[in-house]
Amino acid sequence: MSCDASIFFIKLSYSVHTLRRNHQTSCLIHE
């Protein structure tokens, strides 16, 4: 695996984790 690919996957997993966390937070605020 190239360095660019690993960096891409790290950013991808990080953004997915952030979106999921933001979604949970917005749901809590909505309730």
N, C-alpha and C. Protein backbone atom coordinates (compact mmCIF):
# COMPACT_ATOMS: atom_id res chain seq x y z
N MET A 1 0.85 -1.20 0.00
CA MET A 1 0.00 0.00 0.00
C MET A 1 0.89 1.24 0.00
N SER A 2 0.57 2.19 -0.84
CA SER A 2 1.38 3.41 -0.91
C SER A 2 1.05 4.35 0.24
N CYS A 3 1.91 5.32 0.45
CA CYS A 3 1.68 6.28 1.54
C CYS A 3 0.42 7.09 1.28
N ASP A 4 0.22 7.49 0.02
CA ASP A 4 -0.97 8.28 -0.31
C ASP A 4 -2.24 7.51 0.01
N ALA A 5 -2.25 6.22 -0.29
CA ALA A 5 -3.44 5.41 -0.05
C ALA A 5 -3.71 5.31 1.46
N SER A 6 -2.66 5.10 2.24
CA SER A 6 -2.86 4.97 3.69
C SER A 6 -3.34 6.29 4.28
N ILE A 7 -2.80 7.40 3.79
CA ILE A 7 -3.24 8.71 4.28
C ILE A 7 -4.71 8.93 3.91
N PHE A 8 -5.08 8.50 2.70
CA PHE A 8 -6.46 8.66 2.26
C PHE A 8 -7.40 7.88 3.16
N PHE A 9 -7.03 6.65 3.49
CA PHE A 9 -7.90 5.83 4.35
C PHE A 9 -7.97 6.39 5.76
N ILE A 10 -6.87 6.94 6.24
CA ILE A 10 -6.87 7.55 7.57
C ILE A 10 -7.83 8.74 7.59
N LYS A 11 -7.75 9.58 6.57
CA LYS A 11 -8.64 10.74 6.50
C LYS A 11 -10.08 10.29 6.35
N LEU A 12 -10.30 9.25 5.55
CA LEU A 12 -11.65 8.75 5.32
C LEU A 12 -12.26 8.24 6.62
N SER A 13 -11.52 7.40 7.34
CA SER A 13 -12.04 6.84 8.59
C SER A 13 -12.23 7.94 9.63
N TYR A 14 -11.33 8.94 9.62
CA TYR A 14 -11.45 10.04 10.58
C TYR A 14 -12.70 10.88 10.30
N SER A 15 -12.95 11.19 9.02
CA SER A 15 -14.11 12.00 8.67
C SER A 15 -15.41 11.24 8.95
N VAL A 16 -15.41 9.93 8.70
CA VAL A 16 -16.59 9.12 8.99
C VAL A 16 -16.85 9.11 10.49
N HIS A 17 -15.80 8.98 11.29
CA HIS A 17 -15.93 8.98 12.74
C HIS A 17 -16.46 10.33 13.21
N THR A 18 -15.96 11.42 12.62
CA THR A 18 -16.40 12.76 13.02
C THR A 18 -17.86 12.98 12.65
N LEU A 19 -18.25 12.54 11.45
CA LEU A 19 -19.64 12.69 11.02
C LEU A 19 -20.57 11.93 11.95
N ARG A 20 -20.16 10.71 12.31
CA ARG A 20 -21.00 9.89 13.18
C ARG A 20 -21.14 10.55 14.55
N ARG A 21 -20.03 11.10 15.07
CA ARG A 21 -20.08 11.74 16.37
C ARG A 21 -20.95 13.00 16.31
N ASN A 22 -20.82 13.78 15.24
CA ASN A 22 -21.63 14.99 15.09
C ASN A 22 -23.11 14.62 14.98
N HIS A 23 -23.40 13.52 14.30
CA HIS A 23 -24.79 13.08 14.14
C HIS A 23 -25.38 12.72 15.50
N GLN A 24 -24.62 12.01 16.32
CA GLN A 24 -25.10 11.63 17.65
C GLN A 24 -25.33 12.88 18.49
N THR A 25 -24.42 13.85 18.39
CA THR A 25 -24.54 15.08 19.16
C THR A 25 -25.78 15.86 18.74
N SER A 26 -26.01 15.98 17.45
CA SER A 26 -27.17 16.72 16.96
C SER A 26 -28.46 16.02 17.37
N CYS A 27 -28.44 14.69 17.40
CA CYS A 27 -29.63 13.94 17.82
C CYS A 27 -29.91 14.20 19.29
N LEU A 28 -28.86 14.25 20.11
CA LEU A 28 -29.04 14.51 21.54
C LEU A 28 -29.60 15.92 21.74
N ILE A 29 -29.08 16.87 20.98
CA ILE A 29 -29.55 18.26 21.11
C ILE A 29 -31.00 18.35 20.64
N HIS A 30 -31.33 17.61 19.59
CA HIS A 30 -32.69 17.65 19.04
C HIS A 30 -33.69 17.14 20.06
N GLU A 31 -33.30 16.11 20.81
CA GLU A 31 -34.19 15.57 21.84
C GLU A 31 -34.25 16.55 23.01
